[in-house]
């Protein structure tokens, strides 16, 4: 996994202690094409992580002095080779802590966006060593994935279909409060 240089510098000072970092999640949505069968649902772009083998949306860390929406566009380009436009804010929430195989611990304040392709002609490809596969999945046929990411995908489609009533999610919760 590519560790940003600024995190390597921080780790040299604090070791594996928990870092609080800004992160982004990008749900790239491809709407149902004109004339598609009625049962067709929008598709989302997912990557299969090299470290865990799990399917996820594109995620990444915001670099120092970088705007989160710019980081989202950059991460999609790096991981899939695709150019995207950010269309909507889906939510912001705390994620973690995450303990990595080397013992490093991080928590994130994650900003989730819905994006669309800048060009429908471009095809996704694995763009770096962080992922082993990339592909489009209809939202009704998502592979097994973290519930937070399933929620993000559902939010992206809800925002696409009904932007006038959609409200960004504030916080991610493992279970609804009782």
C-alpha atoms as a PDB file:
ATOM      1  CA  UNK A   1       0.000   0.000   0.000  1.00  0.00           C
ATOM      2  CA  UNK A   2       1.290   3.439  -0.883  1.00  0.00           C
ATOM      3  CA  UNK A   3       1.797   5.455   2.289  1.00  0.00           C
ATOM      4  CA  UNK A   4       1.864   9.207   1.673  1.00  0.00           C
ATOM      5  CA  UNK A   5       5.201  10.855   2.484  1.00  0.00           C
ATOM      6  CA  UNK A   6       3.649  13.171   5.095  1.00  0.00           C
ATOM      7  CA  UNK A   7       2.343  10.136   7.002  1.00  0.00           C
ATOM      8  CA  UNK A   8       5.769   8.458   6.844  1.00  0.00           C
ATOM      9  CA  UNK A   9       7.216  11.643   8.395  1.00  0.00           C
ATOM     10  CA  UNK A  10       4.543  11.634  11.133  1.00  0.00           C
ATOM     11  CA  UNK A  11       5.092   7.943  11.839  1.00  0.00           C
ATOM     12  CA  UNK A  12       8.823   8.583  12.268  1.00  0.00           C
ATOM     13  CA  UNK A  13       7.881  10.856  15.186  1.00  0.00           C
ATOM     14  CA  UNK A  14       4.857   9.137  16.754  1.00  0.00           C
ATOM     15  CA  UNK A  15       5.412   5.510  15.797  1.00  0.00           C
ATOM     16  CA  UNK A  16       2.297   3.340  15.533  1.00  0.00           C
ATOM     17  CA  UNK A  17       0.183   5.563  17.839  1.00  0.00           C
ATOM     18  CA  UNK A  18      -3.260   6.507  16.552  1.00  0.00           C
ATOM     19  CA  UNK A  19      -3.339   9.281  13.957  1.00  0.00           C
ATOM     20  CA  UNK A  20      -6.472  11.293  13.163  1.00  0.00           C
ATOM     21  CA  UNK A  21      -6.467  11.810   9.390  1.00  0.00           C
ATOM     22  CA  UNK A  22      -8.758  13.343   6.761  1.00  0.00           C
ATOM     23  CA  UNK A  23     -10.078  10.801   4.271  1.00  0.00           C
ATOM     24  CA  UNK A  24     -12.396  10.654   1.277  1.00  0.00           C
ATOM     25  CA  UNK A  25     -14.748   8.054  -0.158  1.00  0.00           C
ATOM     26  CA  UNK A  26     -15.945   8.457  -3.742  1.00  0.00           C
ATOM     27  CA  UNK A  27     -19.049   6.749  -5.078  1.00  0.00           C
ATOM     28  CA  UNK A  28     -18.786   6.998  -8.860  1.00  0.00           C
ATOM     29  CA  UNK A  29     -22.275   6.360 -10.242  1.00  0.00           C
ATOM     30  CA  UNK A  30     -23.282   5.410 -13.757  1.00  0.00           C
ATOM     31  CA  UNK A  31     -27.028   5.887 -14.234  1.00  0.00           C
ATOM     32  CA  UNK A  32     -29.261   3.448 -16.076  1.00  0.00           C
ATOM     33  CA  UNK A  33     -28.764   3.869 -19.827  1.00  0.00           C
ATOM     34  CA  UNK A  34     -31.676   4.966 -21.997  1.00  0.00           C
ATOM     35  CA  UNK A  35     -33.640   1.939 -23.221  1.00  0.00           C
ATOM     36  CA  UNK A  36     -32.249  -0.462 -20.592  1.00  0.00           C
ATOM     37  CA  UNK A  37     -34.606  -3.110 -19.185  1.00  0.00           C
ATOM     38  CA  UNK A  38     -36.821  -1.808 -16.386  1.00  0.00           C
ATOM     39  CA  UNK A  39     -35.059  -4.013 -13.802  1.00  0.00           C
ATOM     40  CA  UNK A  40     -31.665  -2.396 -14.495  1.00  0.00           C
ATOM     41  CA  UNK A  41     -30.323  -0.320 -11.613  1.00  0.00           C
ATOM     42  CA  UNK A  42     -27.583   2.336 -11.508  1.00  0.00           C
ATOM     43  CA  UNK A  43     -24.047   0.993 -11.257  1.00  0.00           C
ATOM     44  CA  UNK A  44     -21.213   2.037  -8.964  1.00  0.00           C
ATOM     45  CA  UNK A  45     -17.482   1.767  -9.544  1.00  0.00           C
ATOM     46  CA  UNK A  46     -15.659  -0.453  -7.040  1.00  0.00           C
ATOM     47  CA  UNK A  47     -12.062  -1.518  -6.527  1.00  0.00           C
ATOM     48  CA  UNK A  48     -10.771  -4.736  -4.955  1.00  0.00           C
ATOM     49  CA  UNK A  49      -8.165  -3.871  -2.350  1.00  0.00           C
ATOM     50  CA  UNK A  50      -4.790  -5.580  -2.588  1.00  0.00           C
ATOM     51  CA  UNK A  51      -4.300  -5.651   1.204  1.00  0.00           C
ATOM     52  CA  UNK A  52      -7.641  -7.176   2.278  1.00  0.00           C
ATOM     53  CA  UNK A  53      -9.187  -8.549  -0.915  1.00  0.00           C
ATOM     54  CA  UNK A  54     -12.362  -6.594  -0.149  1.00  0.00           C
ATOM     55  CA  UNK A  55     -14.418  -4.636  -2.677  1.00  0.00           C
ATOM     56  CA  UNK A  56     -14.798  -0.954  -1.775  1.00  0.00           C
ATOM     57  CA  UNK A  57     -15.505   2.361  -3.422  1.00  0.00           C
ATOM     58  CA  UNK A  58     -12.414   4.447  -4.117  1.00  0.00           C
ATOM     59  CA  UNK A  59     -11.033   5.802  -0.841  1.00  0.00           C
ATOM     60  CA  UNK A  60      -7.969   7.774   0.097  1.00  0.00           C
ATOM     61  CA  UNK A  61      -6.212  10.267   2.324  1.00  0.00           C
ATOM     62  CA  UNK A  62      -6.357  14.012   1.789  1.00  0.00           C
ATOM     63  CA  UNK A  63      -2.870  15.475   1.395  1.00  0.00           C
ATOM     64  CA  UNK A  64      -1.809  18.534   3.431  1.00  0.00           C
ATOM     65  CA  UNK A  65      -3.351  21.744   2.012  1.00  0.00           C
ATOM     66  CA  UNK A  66      -5.477  19.759  -0.465  1.00  0.00           C
ATOM     67  CA  UNK A  67      -9.227  20.313  -0.677  1.00  0.00           C
ATOM     68  CA  UNK A  68     -11.200  17.113   0.033  1.00  0.00           C
ATOM     69  CA  UNK A  69     -13.098  17.256  -3.281  1.00  0.00           C
ATOM     70  CA  UNK A  70      -9.782  17.616  -5.140  1.00  0.00           C
ATOM     71  CA  UNK A  71      -8.430  14.604  -3.229  1.00  0.00           C
ATOM     72  CA  UNK A  72     -11.503  12.623  -4.277  1.00  0.00           C
ATOM     73  CA  UNK A  73     -10.909  13.394  -7.970  1.00  0.00           C
ATOM     74  CA  UNK A  74      -7.183  12.612  -7.613  1.00  0.00           C
ATOM     75  CA  UNK A  75      -7.807   9.281  -5.859  1.00  0.00           C
ATOM     76  CA  UNK A  76     -10.230   8.086  -8.558  1.00  0.00           C
ATOM     77  CA  UNK A  77      -7.696   8.994 -11.258  1.00  0.00           C
ATOM     78  CA  UNK A  78      -4.834   7.245  -9.414  1.00  0.00           C
ATOM     79  CA  UNK A  79      -6.776   4.082  -8.607  1.00  0.00           C
ATOM     80  CA  UNK A  80      -8.887   3.611 -11.767  1.00  0.00           C
ATOM     81  CA  UNK A  81      -7.439   5.878 -14.476  1.00  0.00           C
ATOM     82  CA  UNK A  82     -10.789   7.655 -14.791  1.00  0.00           C
ATOM     83  CA  UNK A  83     -11.519  11.376 -14.725  1.00  0.00           C
ATOM     84  CA  UNK A  84     -14.596  12.280 -12.687  1.00  0.00           C
ATOM     85  CA  UNK A  85     -16.634  15.297 -11.643  1.00  0.00           C
ATOM     86  CA  UNK A  86     -17.850  15.632  -8.082  1.00  0.00           C
ATOM     87  CA  UNK A  87     -21.620  16.103  -8.140  1.00  0.00           C
ATOM     88  CA  UNK A  88     -22.717  15.950  -4.500  1.00  0.00           C
ATOM     89  CA  UNK A  89     -21.691  15.671  -0.878  1.00  0.00           C
ATOM     90  CA  UNK A  90     -23.146  12.479   0.587  1.00  0.00           C
ATOM     91  CA  UNK A  91     -21.932  12.800   4.151  1.00  0.00           C
ATOM     92  CA  UNK A  92     -19.170  13.198   6.698  1.00  0.00           C
ATOM     93  CA  UNK A  93     -18.350  10.882   9.566  1.00  0.00           C
ATOM     94  CA  UNK A  94     -15.726   9.332  11.800  1.00  0.00           C
ATOM     95  CA  UNK A  95     -14.267   5.977  10.727  1.00  0.00           C
ATOM     96  CA  UNK A  96     -12.035   3.742  12.776  1.00  0.00           C
ATOM     97  CA  UNK A  97      -9.859   3.095  14.518  1.00  0.00           C
ATOM     98  CA  UNK A  98      -8.175   0.931  11.885  1.00  0.00           C
ATOM     99  CA  UNK A  99      -5.164  -1.184  12.855  1.00  0.00           C
ATOM    100  CA  UNK A 100      -2.942  -1.994   9.887  1.00  0.00           C
ATOM    101  CA  UNK A 101      -0.833  -5.174   9.534  1.00  0.00           C
ATOM    102  CA  UNK A 102       2.329  -3.256  10.518  1.00  0.00           C
ATOM    103  CA  UNK A 103       0.682  -2.158  13.805  1.00  0.00           C
ATOM    104  CA  UNK A 104      -0.040   1.449  12.789  1.00  0.00           C
ATOM    105  CA  UNK A 105      -3.398   2.763  14.009  1.00  0.00           C
ATOM    106  CA  UNK A 106      -5.434   5.498  12.329  1.00  0.00           C
ATOM    107  CA  UNK A 107      -8.898   6.986  12.580  1.00  0.00           C
ATOM    108  CA  UNK A 108     -10.395   9.135   9.873  1.00  0.00           C
ATOM    109  CA  UNK A 109     -12.866  11.922   9.391  1.00  0.00           C
ATOM    110  CA  UNK A 110     -14.262  10.723   6.074  1.00  0.00           C
ATOM    111  CA  UNK A 111     -15.971  12.927   3.512  1.00  0.00           C
ATOM    112  CA  UNK A 112     -18.079  10.955   1.053  1.00  0.00           C
ATOM    113  CA  UNK A 113     -18.954  12.266  -2.422  1.00  0.00           C
ATOM    114  CA  UNK A 114     -21.032  11.182  -5.405  1.00  0.00           C
ATOM    115  CA  UNK A 115     -19.177  11.552  -8.686  1.00  0.00           C
ATOM    116  CA  UNK A 116     -19.850  10.943 -12.378  1.00  0.00           C
ATOM    117  CA  UNK A 117     -17.514  10.133 -15.236  1.00  0.00           C
ATOM    118  CA  UNK A 118     -16.139  13.109 -17.138  1.00  0.00           C
ATOM    119  CA  UNK A 119     -16.244  10.937 -20.300  1.00  0.00           C
ATOM    120  CA  UNK A 120     -18.441   7.887 -20.840  1.00  0.00           C
ATOM    121  CA  UNK A 121     -15.911   6.503 -23.338  1.00  0.00           C
ATOM    122  CA  UNK A 122     -13.207   5.855 -20.763  1.00  0.00           C
ATOM    123  CA  UNK A 123     -12.845   2.366 -19.309  1.00  0.00           C
ATOM    124  CA  UNK A 124     -11.630   1.722 -15.758  1.00  0.00           C
ATOM    125  CA  UNK A 125      -8.292   0.002 -15.161  1.00  0.00           C
ATOM    126  CA  UNK A 126      -6.223  -0.847 -12.116  1.00  0.00           C
ATOM    127  CA  UNK A 127      -4.113   2.281 -11.767  1.00  0.00           C
ATOM    128  CA  UNK A 128      -1.819   1.478  -8.841  1.00  0.00           C
ATOM    129  CA  UNK A 129      -0.671  -1.261  -6.473  1.00  0.00           C
ATOM    130  CA  UNK A 130      -3.427  -0.530  -3.934  1.00  0.00           C
ATOM    131  CA  UNK A 131      -5.972  -2.584  -5.896  1.00  0.00           C
ATOM    132  CA  UNK A 132      -6.084  -5.795  -7.900  1.00  0.00           C
ATOM    133  CA  UNK A 133      -9.363  -5.297  -9.784  1.00  0.00           C
ATOM    134  CA  UNK A 134     -11.782  -2.539 -10.740  1.00  0.00           C
ATOM    135  CA  UNK A 135     -15.320  -2.850 -12.074  1.00  0.00           C
ATOM    136  CA  UNK A 136     -18.866  -1.595 -12.318  1.00  0.00           C
ATOM    137  CA  UNK A 137     -21.551  -3.220 -10.158  1.00  0.00           C
ATOM    138  CA  UNK A 138     -25.281  -2.601 -10.286  1.00  0.00           C
ATOM    139  CA  UNK A 139     -26.420  -1.426  -6.853  1.00  0.00           C
ATOM    140  CA  UNK A 140     -28.813  -4.361  -6.601  1.00  0.00           C
ATOM    141  CA  UNK A 141     -25.910  -6.785  -7.168  1.00  0.00           C
ATOM    142  CA  UNK A 142     -23.103  -5.410  -5.017  1.00  0.00           C
ATOM    143  CA  UNK A 143     -20.436  -7.846  -3.840  1.00  0.00           C
ATOM    144  CA  UNK A 144     -19.967  -8.485  -0.125  1.00  0.00           C
ATOM    145  CA  UNK A 145     -18.635  -5.279   1.402  1.00  0.00           C
ATOM    146  CA  UNK A 146     -18.489  -3.240   4.592  1.00  0.00           C
ATOM    147  CA  UNK A 147     -21.990  -2.032   5.584  1.00  0.00           C
ATOM    148  CA  UNK A 148     -20.765   1.586   5.614  1.00  0.00           C
ATOM    149  CA  UNK A 149     -19.850   1.335   1.943  1.00  0.00           C
ATOM    150  CA  UNK A 150     -23.207  -0.253   1.077  1.00  0.00           C
ATOM    151  CA  UNK A 151     -24.864   2.679   2.841  1.00  0.00           C
ATOM    152  CA  UNK A 152     -22.678   5.126   0.885  1.00  0.00           C
ATOM    153  CA  UNK A 153     -23.711   3.459  -2.401  1.00  0.00           C
ATOM    154  CA  UNK A 154     -27.396   3.630  -1.441  1.00  0.00           C
ATOM    155  CA  UNK A 155     -26.997   7.286  -0.474  1.00  0.00           C
ATOM    156  CA  UNK A 156     -25.382   8.022  -3.849  1.00  0.00           C
ATOM    157  CA  UNK A 157     -28.321   6.567  -5.755  1.00  0.00           C
ATOM    158  CA  UNK A 158     -30.851   8.266  -3.460  1.00  0.00           C
ATOM    159  CA  UNK A 159     -29.131  11.612  -3.995  1.00  0.00           C
ATOM    160  CA  UNK A 160     -28.981  11.042  -7.767  1.00  0.00           C
ATOM    161  CA  UNK A 161     -32.697  10.195  -7.962  1.00  0.00           C
ATOM    162  CA  UNK A 162     -34.088  12.715  -5.470  1.00  0.00           C
ATOM    163  CA  UNK A 163     -31.567  15.532  -4.920  1.00  0.00           C
ATOM    164  CA  UNK A 164     -34.294  17.897  -3.715  1.00  0.00           C
ATOM    165  CA  UNK A 165     -35.014  15.773  -0.633  1.00  0.00           C
ATOM    166  CA  UNK A 166     -31.618  14.185   0.009  1.00  0.00           C
ATOM    167  CA  UNK A 167     -29.773  15.328   3.149  1.00  0.00           C
ATOM    168  CA  UNK A 168     -26.078  14.491   3.632  1.00  0.00           C
ATOM    169  CA  UNK A 169     -25.445  11.933   6.349  1.00  0.00           C
ATOM    170  CA  UNK A 170     -23.774  13.316   9.445  1.00  0.00           C
ATOM    171  CA  UNK A 171     -21.820  10.493  11.045  1.00  0.00           C
ATOM    172  CA  UNK A 172     -21.599   6.779  10.333  1.00  0.00           C
ATOM    173  CA  UNK A 173     -23.012   4.369  12.839  1.00  0.00           C
ATOM    174  CA  UNK A 174     -22.517   0.628  12.962  1.00  0.00           C
ATOM    175  CA  UNK A 175     -26.107   0.177  14.146  1.00  0.00           C
ATOM    176  CA  UNK A 176     -28.988   2.592  14.427  1.00  0.00           C
ATOM    177  CA  UNK A 177     -29.442   3.800  18.005  1.00  0.00           C
ATOM    178  CA  UNK A 178     -32.265   2.041  19.870  1.00  0.00           C
END
